[in-house]
Structures are given as structure tokens and as C-alpha cells.
Full PDB file with SEQRES, HELIX, SHEET, SSBOND, CRYST1, ORIGX, SCALE, CONECT and MASTER records, all heavy atoms in Angstrom:
SEQRES   1 A   40  ALA LYS GLY LEU ASP GLU MET HIS ALA TYR GLN PRO ASP          
SEQRES   2 A   40  LEU LEU LEU MET GLU GLY ALA GLY GLY TRP ARG LEU PRO          
SEQRES   3 A   40  LEU THR VAL GLY ASP GLU TYR THR PRO THR TYR TYR LEU          
SEQRES   4 A   40  SER                                                          
HELIX    1 AA1 LYS A    2  HIS A    8  1                                   7    
SHEET    1 AA1 2 PRO A  26  THR A  28  0                                        
SHEET    2 AA1 2 TYR A  37  TYR A  38 -1                                        
CRYST1    1.000    1.000    1.000  90.00  90.00  90.00 P 1           1          
ORIGX1      1.000000  0.000000  0.000000        0.00000                         
ORIGX2      0.000000  1.000000  0.000000        0.00000                         
ORIGX3      0.000000  0.000000  1.000000        0.00000                         
SCALE1      1.000000  0.000000  0.000000        0.00000                         
SCALE2      0.000000  1.000000  0.000000        0.00000                         
SCALE3      0.000000  0.000000  1.000000        0.00000                         
ATOM      1  N   ALA A   1       4.678-174.236 -12.472  1.00  0.00           N  
ATOM      2  CA  ALA A   1       4.289-175.617 -12.161  1.00  0.00           C  
ATOM      3  C   ALA A   1       2.780-175.812 -12.272  1.00  0.00           C  
ATOM      4  O   ALA A   1       2.307-176.866 -12.715  1.00  0.00           O  
ATOM      5  CB  ALA A   1       4.772-175.991 -10.760  1.00  0.00           C  
ATOM      6  N   LYS A   2       2.013-174.794 -11.891  1.00  0.00           N  
ATOM      7  CA  LYS A   2       0.551-174.871 -12.013  1.00  0.00           C  
ATOM      8  C   LYS A   2       0.147-175.045 -13.475  1.00  0.00           C  
ATOM      9  O   LYS A   2      -0.704-175.869 -13.807  1.00  0.00           O  
ATOM     10  CB  LYS A   2      -0.084-173.603 -11.439  1.00  0.00           C  
ATOM     11  CG  LYS A   2      -1.590-173.521 -11.608  1.00  0.00           C  
ATOM     12  CD  LYS A   2      -2.118-172.174 -11.154  1.00  0.00           C  
ATOM     13  CE  LYS A   2      -3.606-172.012 -11.477  1.00  0.00           C  
ATOM     14  NZ  LYS A   2      -4.094-170.641 -11.149  1.00  0.00           N  
ATOM     15  N   GLY A   3       0.779-174.262 -14.353  1.00  0.00           N  
ATOM     16  CA  GLY A   3       0.474-174.382 -15.780  1.00  0.00           C  
ATOM     17  C   GLY A   3       0.856-175.739 -16.331  1.00  0.00           C  
ATOM     18  O   GLY A   3       0.152-176.307 -17.180  1.00  0.00           O  
ATOM     19  N   LEU A   4       1.962-176.286 -15.846  1.00  0.00           N  
ATOM     20  CA  LEU A   4       2.398-177.612 -16.289  1.00  0.00           C  
ATOM     21  C   LEU A   4       1.409-178.677 -15.837  1.00  0.00           C  
ATOM     22  O   LEU A   4       1.097-179.613 -16.582  1.00  0.00           O  
ATOM     23  CB  LEU A   4       3.799-177.907 -15.742  1.00  0.00           C  
ATOM     24  CG  LEU A   4       4.456-179.204 -16.223  1.00  0.00           C  
ATOM     25  CD1 LEU A   4       4.674-179.170 -17.735  1.00  0.00           C  
ATOM     26  CD2 LEU A   4       5.795-179.419 -15.504  1.00  0.00           C  
ATOM     27  N   ASP A   5       0.903-178.544 -14.616  1.00  0.00           N  
ATOM     28  CA  ASP A   5      -0.097-179.490 -14.120  1.00  0.00           C  
ATOM     29  C   ASP A   5      -1.357-179.470 -14.986  1.00  0.00           C  
ATOM     30  O   ASP A   5      -1.980-180.514 -15.222  1.00  0.00           O  
ATOM     31  CB  ASP A   5      -0.465-179.168 -12.668  1.00  0.00           C  
ATOM     32  CG  ASP A   5       0.605-179.598 -11.674  1.00  0.00           C  
ATOM     33  OD1 ASP A   5       1.450-180.439 -12.053  1.00  0.00           O  
ATOM     34  OD2 ASP A   5       0.604-179.096 -10.540  1.00  0.00           O  
ATOM     35  N   GLU A   6      -1.742-178.278 -15.447  1.00  0.00           N  
ATOM     36  CA  GLU A   6      -2.913-178.182 -16.319  1.00  0.00           C  
ATOM     37  C   GLU A   6      -2.670-178.931 -17.629  1.00  0.00           C  
ATOM     38  O   GLU A   6      -3.582-179.559 -18.180  1.00  0.00           O  
ATOM     39  CB  GLU A   6      -3.246-176.717 -16.598  1.00  0.00           C  
ATOM     40  CG  GLU A   6      -3.808-175.981 -15.385  1.00  0.00           C  
ATOM     41  CD  GLU A   6      -4.227-174.561 -15.699  1.00  0.00           C  
ATOM     42  OE1 GLU A   6      -4.058-174.137 -16.862  1.00  0.00           O  
ATOM     43  OE2 GLU A   6      -4.723-173.873 -14.789  1.00  0.00           O  
ATOM     44  N   MET A   7      -1.436-178.870 -18.117  1.00  0.00           N  
ATOM     45  CA  MET A   7      -1.099-179.618 -19.323  1.00  0.00           C  
ATOM     46  C   MET A   7      -1.144-181.120 -19.068  1.00  0.00           C  
ATOM     47  O   MET A   7      -1.579-181.905 -19.911  1.00  0.00           O  
ATOM     48  CB  MET A   7       0.287-179.214 -19.821  1.00  0.00           C  
ATOM     49  CG  MET A   7       0.350-177.816 -20.383  1.00  0.00           C  
ATOM     50  SD  MET A   7      -0.689-177.680 -21.851  1.00  0.00           S  
ATOM     51  CE  MET A   7      -0.314-176.018 -22.369  1.00  0.00           C  
ATOM     52  N   HIS A   8      -0.696-181.528 -17.897  1.00  0.00           N  
ATOM     53  CA  HIS A   8      -0.715-182.952 -17.552  1.00  0.00           C  
ATOM     54  C   HIS A   8      -2.135-183.508 -17.560  1.00  0.00           C  
ATOM     55  O   HIS A   8      -2.348-184.699 -17.825  1.00  0.00           O  
ATOM     56  CB  HIS A   8      -0.097-183.170 -16.171  1.00  0.00           C  
ATOM     57  CG  HIS A   8       1.385-183.023 -16.145  1.00  0.00           C  
ATOM     58  ND1 HIS A   8       2.105-182.930 -14.965  1.00  0.00           N  
ATOM     59  CD2 HIS A   8       2.297-182.934 -17.131  1.00  0.00           C  
ATOM     60  CE1 HIS A   8       3.391-182.799 -15.242  1.00  0.00           C  
ATOM     61  NE2 HIS A   8       3.527-182.808 -16.553  1.00  0.00           N  
ATOM     62  N   ALA A   9      -3.120-182.642 -17.263  1.00  0.00           N  
ATOM     63  CA  ALA A   9      -4.513-183.099 -17.210  1.00  0.00           C  
ATOM     64  C   ALA A   9      -4.989-183.628 -18.560  1.00  0.00           C  
ATOM     65  O   ALA A   9      -5.895-184.465 -18.621  1.00  0.00           O  
ATOM     66  CB  ALA A   9      -5.423-181.954 -16.755  1.00  0.00           C  
ATOM     67  N   TYR A  10      -4.350-183.180 -19.658  1.00  0.00           N  
ATOM     68  CA  TYR A  10      -4.721-183.671 -20.983  1.00  0.00           C  
ATOM     69  C   TYR A  10      -4.094-185.030 -21.288  1.00  0.00           C  
ATOM     70  O   TYR A  10      -4.434-185.659 -22.289  1.00  0.00           O  
ATOM     71  CB  TYR A  10      -4.302-182.664 -22.053  1.00  0.00           C  
ATOM     72  CG  TYR A  10      -5.078-181.368 -22.000  1.00  0.00           C  
ATOM     73  CD1 TYR A  10      -4.466-180.189 -21.580  1.00  0.00           C  
ATOM     74  CD2 TYR A  10      -6.420-181.319 -22.356  1.00  0.00           C  
ATOM     75  CE1 TYR A  10      -5.180-178.998 -21.527  1.00  0.00           C  
ATOM     76  CE2 TYR A  10      -7.140-180.134 -22.301  1.00  0.00           C  
ATOM     77  CZ  TYR A  10      -6.509-178.973 -21.887  1.00  0.00           C  
ATOM     78  OH  TYR A  10      -7.210-177.802 -21.831  1.00  0.00           O  
ATOM     79  N   GLN A  11      -3.157-185.471 -20.458  1.00  0.00           N  
ATOM     80  CA  GLN A  11      -2.504-186.772 -20.578  1.00  0.00           C  
ATOM     81  C   GLN A  11      -1.974-187.052 -21.980  1.00  0.00           C  
ATOM     82  O   GLN A  11      -2.343-188.049 -22.620  1.00  0.00           O  
ATOM     83  CB  GLN A  11      -3.470-187.888 -20.133  1.00  0.00           C  
ATOM     84  CG  GLN A  11      -3.920-187.730 -18.692  1.00  0.00           C  
ATOM     85  CD  GLN A  11      -4.718-188.907 -18.193  1.00  0.00           C  
ATOM     86  OE1 GLN A  11      -4.322-190.050 -18.400  1.00  0.00           O  
ATOM     87  NE2 GLN A  11      -5.831-188.647 -17.554  1.00  0.00           N  
ATOM     88  N   PRO A  12      -1.093-186.191 -22.482  1.00  0.00           N  
ATOM     89  CA  PRO A  12      -0.516-186.446 -23.805  1.00  0.00           C  
ATOM     90  C   PRO A  12       0.545-187.539 -23.739  1.00  0.00           C  
ATOM     91  O   PRO A  12       1.044-187.869 -22.665  1.00  0.00           O  
ATOM     92  CB  PRO A  12       0.124-185.098 -24.161  1.00  0.00           C  
ATOM     93  CG  PRO A  12       0.546-184.559 -22.821  1.00  0.00           C  
ATOM     94  CD  PRO A  12      -0.555-184.965 -21.871  1.00  0.00           C  
ATOM     95  N   ASP A  13       0.893-188.085 -24.890  1.00  0.00           N  
ATOM     96  CA  ASP A  13       2.012-189.020 -24.946  1.00  0.00           C  
ATOM     97  C   ASP A  13       3.336-188.279 -24.796  1.00  0.00           C  
ATOM     98  O   ASP A  13       4.283-188.793 -24.209  1.00  0.00           O  
ATOM     99  CB  ASP A  13       2.009-189.775 -26.287  1.00  0.00           C  
ATOM    100  CG  ASP A  13       0.774-190.639 -26.458  1.00  0.00           C  
ATOM    101  OD1 ASP A  13       0.466-191.404 -25.524  1.00  0.00           O  
ATOM    102  OD2 ASP A  13       0.120-190.539 -27.506  1.00  0.00           O  
ATOM    103  N   LEU A  14       3.383-187.047 -25.352  1.00  0.00           N  
ATOM    104  CA  LEU A  14       4.604-186.249 -25.342  1.00  0.00           C  
ATOM    105  C   LEU A  14       4.269-184.807 -24.991  1.00  0.00           C  
ATOM    106  O   LEU A  14       3.366-184.213 -25.578  1.00  0.00           O  
ATOM    107  CB  LEU A  14       5.286-186.303 -26.710  1.00  0.00           C  
ATOM    108  CG  LEU A  14       6.569-185.472 -26.886  1.00  0.00           C  
ATOM    109  CD1 LEU A  14       7.692-186.037 -26.016  1.00  0.00           C  
ATOM    110  CD2 LEU A  14       6.994-185.437 -28.341  1.00  0.00           C  
ATOM    111  N   LEU A  15       4.999-184.259 -24.017  1.00  0.00           N  
ATOM    112  CA  LEU A  15       4.820-182.862 -23.620  1.00  0.00           C  
ATOM    113  C   LEU A  15       6.181-182.171 -23.695  1.00  0.00           C  
ATOM    114  O   LEU A  15       7.147-182.623 -23.075  1.00  0.00           O  
ATOM    115  CB  LEU A  15       4.253-182.778 -22.201  1.00  0.00           C  
ATOM    116  CG  LEU A  15       3.696-181.424 -21.747  1.00  0.00           C  
ATOM    117  CD1 LEU A  15       2.761-181.606 -20.557  1.00  0.00           C  
ATOM    118  CD2 LEU A  15       4.795-180.435 -21.368  1.00  0.00           C  
ATOM    119  N   LEU A  16       6.246-181.092 -24.460  1.00  0.00           N  
ATOM    120  CA  LEU A  16       7.483-180.322 -24.597  1.00  0.00           C  
ATOM    121  C   LEU A  16       7.296-178.954 -23.979  1.00  0.00           C  
ATOM    122  O   LEU A  16       6.421-178.186 -24.383  1.00  0.00           O  
ATOM    123  CB  LEU A  16       7.862-180.185 -26.076  1.00  0.00           C  
ATOM    124  CG  LEU A  16       8.086-181.482 -26.847  1.00  0.00           C  
ATOM    125  CD1 LEU A  16       8.429-181.179 -28.301  1.00  0.00           C  
ATOM    126  CD2 LEU A  16       9.181-182.325 -26.203  1.00  0.00           C  
ATOM    127  N   MET A  17       8.099-178.647 -22.985  1.00  0.00           N  
ATOM    128  CA  MET A  17       8.059-177.337 -22.330  1.00  0.00           C  
ATOM    129  C   MET A  17       9.235-176.510 -22.841  1.00  0.00           C  
ATOM    130  O   MET A  17      10.388-176.862 -22.628  1.00  0.00           O  
ATOM    131  CB  MET A  17       8.138-177.517 -20.813  1.00  0.00           C  
ATOM    132  CG  MET A  17       8.283-176.228 -20.021  1.00  0.00           C  
ATOM    133  SD  MET A  17       8.158-176.583 -18.239  1.00  0.00           S  
ATOM    134  CE  MET A  17       9.089-175.205 -17.542  1.00  0.00           C  
ATOM    135  N   GLU A  18       8.922-175.430 -23.530  1.00  0.00           N  
ATOM    136  CA  GLU A  18       9.975-174.608 -24.132  1.00  0.00           C  
ATOM    137  C   GLU A  18      10.368-173.454 -23.217  1.00  0.00           C  
ATOM    138  O   GLU A  18       9.507-172.764 -22.668  1.00  0.00           O  
ATOM    139  CB  GLU A  18       9.513-174.048 -25.479  1.00  0.00           C  
ATOM    140  CG  GLU A  18      10.617-173.296 -26.200  1.00  0.00           C  
ATOM    141  CD  GLU A  18      10.109-172.440 -27.343  1.00  0.00           C  
ATOM    142  OE1 GLU A  18       9.140-172.854 -28.005  1.00  0.00           O  
ATOM    143  OE2 GLU A  18      10.682-171.362 -27.567  1.00  0.00           O  
ATOM    144  N   GLY A  19      11.657-173.255 -23.084  1.00  0.00           N  
ATOM    145  CA  GLY A  19      12.155-172.157 -22.275  1.00  0.00           C  
ATOM    146  C   GLY A  19      12.135-170.841 -23.030  1.00  0.00           C  
ATOM    147  O   GLY A  19      11.579-170.713 -24.116  1.00  0.00           O  
ATOM    148  N   ALA A  20      12.754-169.832 -22.424  1.00  0.00           N  
ATOM    149  CA  ALA A  20      12.912-168.517 -23.049  1.00  0.00           C  
ATOM    150  C   ALA A  20      14.393-168.170 -22.951  1.00  0.00           C  
ATOM    151  O   ALA A  20      15.017-168.399 -21.912  1.00  0.00           O  
ATOM    152  CB  ALA A  20      12.052-167.469 -22.343  1.00  0.00           C  
ATOM    153  N   GLY A  21      14.952-167.652 -24.039  1.00  0.00           N  
ATOM    154  CA  GLY A  21      16.378-167.356 -24.003  1.00  0.00           C  
ATOM    155  C   GLY A  21      17.203-168.617 -23.883  1.00  0.00           C  
ATOM    156  O   GLY A  21      16.851-169.667 -24.423  1.00  0.00           O  
ATOM    157  N   GLY A  22      18.303-168.520 -23.134  1.00  0.00           N  
ATOM    158  CA  GLY A  22      19.177-169.665 -22.931  1.00  0.00           C  
ATOM    159  C   GLY A  22      18.921-170.351 -21.603  1.00  0.00           C  
ATOM    160  O   GLY A  22      17.906-170.115 -20.943  1.00  0.00           O  
ATOM    161  N   TRP A  23      19.861-171.204 -21.191  1.00  0.00           N  
ATOM    162  CA  TRP A  23      19.673-172.019 -19.991  1.00  0.00           C  
ATOM    163  C   TRP A  23      19.567-171.179 -18.721  1.00  0.00           C  
ATOM    164  O   TRP A  23      18.700-171.386 -17.905  1.00  0.00           O  
ATOM    165  CB  TRP A  23      20.823-173.020 -19.870  1.00  0.00           C  
ATOM    166  CG  TRP A  23      20.733-173.929 -18.682  1.00  0.00           C  
ATOM    167  CD1 TRP A  23      21.571-173.990 -17.613  1.00  0.00           C  
ATOM    168  CD2 TRP A  23      19.733-174.935 -18.444  1.00  0.00           C  
ATOM    169  NE1 TRP A  23      21.168-174.954 -16.726  1.00  0.00           N  
ATOM    170  CE2 TRP A  23      20.041-175.556 -17.212  1.00  0.00           C  
ATOM    171  CE3 TRP A  23      18.613-175.363 -19.157  1.00  0.00           C  
ATOM    172  CZ2 TRP A  23      19.266-176.582 -16.674  1.00  0.00           C  
ATOM    173  CZ3 TRP A  23      17.836-176.388 -18.619  1.00  0.00           C  
ATOM    174  CH2 TRP A  23      18.166-176.974 -17.398  1.00  0.00           C  
ATOM    175  N   ARG A  24      20.424-170.188 -18.565  1.00  0.00           N  
ATOM    176  CA  ARG A  24      20.427-169.372 -17.349  1.00  0.00           C  
ATOM    177  C   ARG A  24      19.573-168.111 -17.541  1.00  0.00           C  
ATOM    178  O   ARG A  24      20.060-166.991 -17.485  1.00  0.00           O  
ATOM    179  CB  ARG A  24      21.854-168.987 -16.970  1.00  0.00           C  
ATOM    180  CG  ARG A  24      22.675-170.137 -16.408  1.00  0.00           C  
ATOM    181  CD  ARG A  24      22.307-170.438 -14.958  1.00  0.00           C  
ATOM    182  NE  ARG A  24      23.209-171.442 -14.407  1.00  0.00           N  
ATOM    183  CZ  ARG A  24      22.859-172.698 -14.134  1.00  0.00           C  
ATOM    184  NH1 ARG A  24      21.625-173.096 -14.368  1.00  0.00           N  
ATOM    185  NH2 ARG A  24      23.732-173.542 -13.637  1.00  0.00           N  
ATOM    186  N   LEU A  25      18.291-168.314 -17.748  1.00  0.00           N  
ATOM    187  CA  LEU A  25      17.386-167.182 -17.878  1.00  0.00           C  
ATOM    188  C   LEU A  25      16.937-166.748 -16.487  1.00  0.00           C  
ATOM    189  O   LEU A  25      16.281-167.507 -15.783  1.00  0.00           O  
ATOM    190  CB  LEU A  25      16.156-167.565 -18.705  1.00  0.00           C  
ATOM    191  CG  LEU A  25      15.165-166.414 -18.865  1.00  0.00           C  
ATOM    192  CD1 LEU A  25      15.515-165.587 -20.097  1.00  0.00           C  
ATOM    193  CD2 LEU A  25      13.735-166.920 -18.927  1.00  0.00           C  
ATOM    194  N   PRO A  26      17.270-165.520 -16.057  1.00  0.00           N  
ATOM    195  CA  PRO A  26      16.847-165.091 -14.719  1.00  0.00           C  
ATOM    196  C   PRO A  26      15.358-164.805 -14.648  1.00  0.00           C  
ATOM    197  O   PRO A  26      14.789-164.194 -15.554  1.00  0.00           O  
ATOM    198  CB  PRO A  26      17.674-163.819 -14.484  1.00  0.00           C  
ATOM    199  CG  PRO A  26      18.000-163.310 -15.842  1.00  0.00           C  
ATOM    200  CD  PRO A  26      18.107-164.521 -16.730  1.00  0.00           C  
ATOM    201  N   LEU A  27      14.734-165.275 -13.590  1.00  0.00           N  
ATOM    202  CA  LEU A  27      13.345-164.927 -13.306  1.00  0.00           C  
ATOM    203  C   LEU A  27      13.282-163.771 -12.322  1.00  0.00           C  
ATOM    204  O   LEU A  27      12.395-162.918 -12.397  1.00  0.00           O  
ATOM    205  CB  LEU A  27      12.593-166.140 -12.742  1.00  0.00           C  
ATOM    206  CG  LEU A  27      12.551-167.383 -13.638  1.00  0.00           C  
ATOM    207  CD1 LEU A  27      11.721-168.482 -12.983  1.00  0.00           C  
ATOM    208  CD2 LEU A  27      11.997-167.053 -15.009  1.00  0.00           C  
ATOM    209  N   THR A  28      14.213-163.771 -11.382  1.00  0.00           N  
ATOM    210  CA  THR A  28      14.392-162.647 -10.455  1.00  0.00           C  
ATOM    211  C   THR A  28      15.890-162.438 -10.286  1.00  0.00           C  
ATOM    212  O   THR A  28      16.665-163.392 -10.312  1.00  0.00           O  
ATOM    213  CB  THR A  28      13.763-162.927  -9.071  1.00  0.00           C  
ATOM    214  OG1 THR A  28      14.390-164.083  -8.491  1.00  0.00           O  
ATOM    215  CG2 THR A  28      12.267-163.188  -9.184  1.00  0.00           C  
ATOM    216  N   VAL A  29      16.290-161.193 -10.124  1.00  0.00           N  
ATOM    217  CA  VAL A  29      17.698-160.884  -9.888  1.00  0.00           C  
ATOM    218  C   VAL A  29      17.835-160.373  -8.461  1.00  0.00           C  
ATOM    219  O   VAL A  29      17.241-159.355  -8.095  1.00  0.00           O  
ATOM    220  CB  VAL A  29      18.219-159.840 -10.897  1.00  0.00           C  
ATOM    221  CG1 VAL A  29      19.654-159.447 -10.563  1.00  0.00           C  
ATOM    222  CG2 VAL A  29      18.151-160.408 -12.315  1.00  0.00           C  
ATOM    223  N   GLY A  30      18.590-161.111  -7.642  1.00  0.00           N  
ATOM    224  CA  GLY A  30      18.697-160.783  -6.230  1.00  0.00           C  
ATOM    225  C   GLY A  30      19.900-159.917  -5.899  1.00  0.00           C  
ATOM    226  O   GLY A  30      20.484-159.261  -6.758  1.00  0.00           O  
ATOM    227  N   ASP A  31      20.264-159.937  -4.635  1.00  0.00           N  
ATOM    228  CA  ASP A  31      21.415-159.183  -4.139  1.00  0.00           C  
ATOM    229  C   ASP A  31      22.224-160.095  -3.222  1.00  0.00           C  
ATOM    230  O   ASP A  31      22.098-161.312  -3.303  1.00  0.00           O  
ATOM    231  CB  ASP A  31      20.959-157.912  -3.402  1.00  0.00           C  
ATOM    232  CG  ASP A  31      19.890-158.215  -2.347  1.00  0.00           C  
ATOM    233  OD1 ASP A  31      19.930-159.328  -1.759  1.00  0.00           O  
ATOM    234  OD2 ASP A  31      19.021-157.364  -2.115  1.00  0.00           O  
ATOM    235  N   GLU A  32      23.035-159.505  -2.349  1.00  0.00           N  
ATOM    236  CA  GLU A  32      23.858-160.367  -1.496  1.00  0.00           C  
ATOM    237  C   GLU A  32      23.036-161.155  -0.486  1.00  0.00           C  
ATOM    238  O   GLU A  32      23.508-162.119   0.117  1.00  0.00           O  
ATOM    239  CB  GLU A  32      24.924-159.540  -0.771  1.00  0.00           C  
ATOM    240  CG  GLU A  32      24.361-158.552   0.254  1.00  0.00           C  
ATOM    241  CD  GLU A  32      24.419-157.119  -0.217  1.00  0.00           C  
ATOM    242  OE1 GLU A  32      23.785-156.796  -1.234  1.00  0.00           O  
ATOM    243  OE2 GLU A  32      25.107-156.330   0.466  1.00  0.00           O  
ATOM    244  N   TYR A  33      21.783-160.725  -0.275  1.00  0.00           N  
ATOM    245  CA  TYR A  33      20.932-161.406   0.695  1.00  0.00           C  
ATOM    246  C   TYR A  33      19.935-162.363   0.038  1.00  0.00           C  
ATOM    247  O   TYR A  33      19.473-163.315   0.657  1.00  0.00           O  
ATOM    248  CB  TYR A  33      20.156-160.370   1.532  1.00  0.00           C  
ATOM    249  CG  TYR A  33      21.047-159.361   2.215  1.00  0.00           C  
ATOM    250  CD1 TYR A  33      21.108-158.050   1.754  1.00  0.00           C  
ATOM    251  CD2 TYR A  33      21.841-159.718   3.309  1.00  0.00           C  
ATOM    252  CE1 TYR A  33      21.928-157.115   2.374  1.00  0.00           C  
ATOM    253  CE2 TYR A  33      22.672-158.792   3.922  1.00  0.00           C  
ATOM    254  CZ  TYR A  33      22.712-157.493   3.449  1.00  0.00           C  
ATOM    255  OH  TYR A  33      23.535-156.583   4.044  1.00  0.00           O  
ATOM    256  N   THR A  34      19.586-162.086  -1.201  1.00  0.00           N  
ATOM    257  CA  THR A  34      18.600-162.895  -1.918  1.00  0.00           C  
ATOM    258  C   THR A  34      19.203-163.390  -3.223  1.00  0.00           C  
ATOM    259  O   THR A  34      19.527-162.582  -4.098  1.00  0.00           O  
ATOM    260  CB  THR A  34      17.341-162.070  -2.236  1.00  0.00           C  
ATOM    261  OG1 THR A  34      16.850-161.472  -1.040  1.00  0.00           O  
ATOM    262  CG2 THR A  34      16.254-162.960  -2.843  1.00  0.00           C  
ATOM    263  N   PRO A  35      19.392-164.691  -3.360  1.00  0.00           N  
ATOM    264  CA  PRO A  35      20.023-165.194  -4.590  1.00  0.00           C  
ATOM    265  C   PRO A  35      19.139-164.998  -5.820  1.00  0.00           C  
ATOM    266  O   PRO A  35      17.913-164.953  -5.729  1.00  0.00           O  
ATOM    267  CB  PRO A  35      20.233-166.686  -4.294  1.00  0.00           C  
ATOM    268  CG  PRO A  35      19.189-167.013  -3.262  1.00  0.00           C  
ATOM    269  CD  PRO A  35      19.038-165.773  -2.434  1.00  0.00           C  
ATOM    270  N   THR A  36      19.765-164.875  -6.964  1.00  0.00           N  
ATOM    271  CA  THR A  36      19.044-164.805  -8.225  1.00  0.00           C  
ATOM    272  C   THR A  36      18.382-166.165  -8.494  1.00  0.00           C  
ATOM    273  O   THR A  36      18.953-167.213  -8.208  1.00  0.00           O  
ATOM    274  CB  THR A  36      20.012-164.457  -9.367  1.00  0.00           C  
ATOM    275  OG1 THR A  36      20.537-163.140  -9.148  1.00  0.00           O  
ATOM    276  CG2 THR A  36      19.325-164.494 -10.713  1.00  0.00           C  
ATOM    277  N   TYR A  37      17.159-166.113  -9.027  1.00  0.00           N  
ATOM    278  CA  TYR A  37      16.404-167.328  -9.318  1.00  0.00           C  
ATOM    279  C   TYR A  37      16.261-167.463 -10.826  1.00  0.00           C  
ATOM    280  O   TYR A  37      15.843-166.527 -11.509  1.00  0.00           O  
ATOM    281  CB  TYR A  37      15.025-167.263  -8.657  1.00  0.00           C  
ATOM    282  CG  TYR A  37      14.245-168.558  -8.691  1.00  0.00           C  
ATOM    283  CD1 TYR A  37      14.758-169.717  -8.107  1.00  0.00           C  
ATOM    284  CD2 TYR A  37      12.997-168.628  -9.296  1.00  0.00           C  
ATOM    285  CE1 TYR A  37      14.049-170.906  -8.125  1.00  0.00           C  
ATOM    286  CE2 TYR A  37      12.267-169.812  -9.311  1.00  0.00           C  
ATOM    287  CZ  TYR A  37      12.805-170.955  -8.730  1.00  0.00           C  
ATOM    288  OH  TYR A  37      12.108-172.134  -8.753  1.00  0.00           O  
ATOM    289  N   TYR A  38      16.641-168.633 -11.357  1.00  0.00           N  
ATOM    290  CA  TYR A  38      16.677-168.852 -12.797  1.00  0.00           C  
ATOM    291  C   TYR A  38      15.583-169.833 -13.239  1.00  0.00           C  
ATOM    292  O   TYR A  38      15.114-170.655 -12.446  1.00  0.00           O  
ATOM    293  CB  TYR A  38      18.032-169.432 -13.211  1.00  0.00           C  
ATOM    294  CG  TYR A  38      19.216-168.549 -12.898  1.00  0.00           C  
ATOM    295  CD1 TYR A  38      19.947-168.726 -11.721  1.00  0.00           C  
ATOM    296  CD2 TYR A  38      19.609-167.549 -13.779  1.00  0.00           C  
ATOM    297  CE1 TYR A  38      21.043-167.922 -11.432  1.00  0.00           C  
ATOM    298  CE2 TYR A  38      20.708-166.740 -13.498  1.00  0.00           C  
ATOM    299  CZ  TYR A  38      21.415-166.927 -12.322  1.00  0.00           C  
ATOM    300  OH  TYR A  38      22.483-166.125 -12.045  1.00  0.00           O  
ATOM    301  N   LEU A  39      15.229-169.762 -14.528  1.00  0.00           N  
ATOM    302  CA  LEU A  39      14.302-170.747 -15.078  1.00  0.00           C  
ATOM    303  C   LEU A  39      14.898-172.149 -14.984  1.00  0.00           C  
ATOM    304  O   LEU A  39      14.183-173.131 -14.799  1.00  0.00           O  
ATOM    305  CB  LEU A  39      13.967-170.407 -16.539  1.00  0.00           C  
ATOM    306  CG  LEU A  39      12.941-171.303 -17.234  1.00  0.00           C  
ATOM    307  CD1 LEU A  39      11.636-171.375 -16.451  1.00  0.00           C  
ATOM    308  CD2 LEU A  39      12.676-170.815 -18.652  1.00  0.00           C  
ATOM    309  N   SER A  40      16.213-172.232 -15.066  1.00  0.00           N  
ATOM    310  CA  SER A  40      16.872-173.539 -14.916  1.00  0.00           C  
ATOM    311  C   SER A  40      16.638-174.123 -13.523  1.00  0.00           C  
ATOM    312  O   SER A  40      16.617-175.354 -13.357  1.00  0.00           O  
ATOM    313  CB  SER A  40      18.368-173.418 -15.193  1.00  0.00           C  
ATOM    314  OG  SER A  40      18.965-172.430 -14.372  1.00  0.00           O  
TER     315      SER A  40                                                      
MASTER        0    0    0    1    2    0    0    6  314    1    0    4          
END                                                                             
């Protein structure tokens, strides 16, 4: 989100944020106590 805010500072007409892999890209993989966190 910090990086996105820096992009907003340029005030473009169009901003495209590209993901990595597919929709359910894990950022962290948890266990029964900590859920997995996805880029989605």
C-alpha cells in the first residue's frame, strides 16, 4: 500500500497494478492458528 501511495503522488490518469502468478498468490502460508494471507 505504501508503494501504491507513492504512485498516487504522480496523479496519473490511469494506474495499473500488476499481480504475480494467479489470483490466489500466497504472501504468507499459515497454520491452524494463523490463516494464509494472499495478494488477493
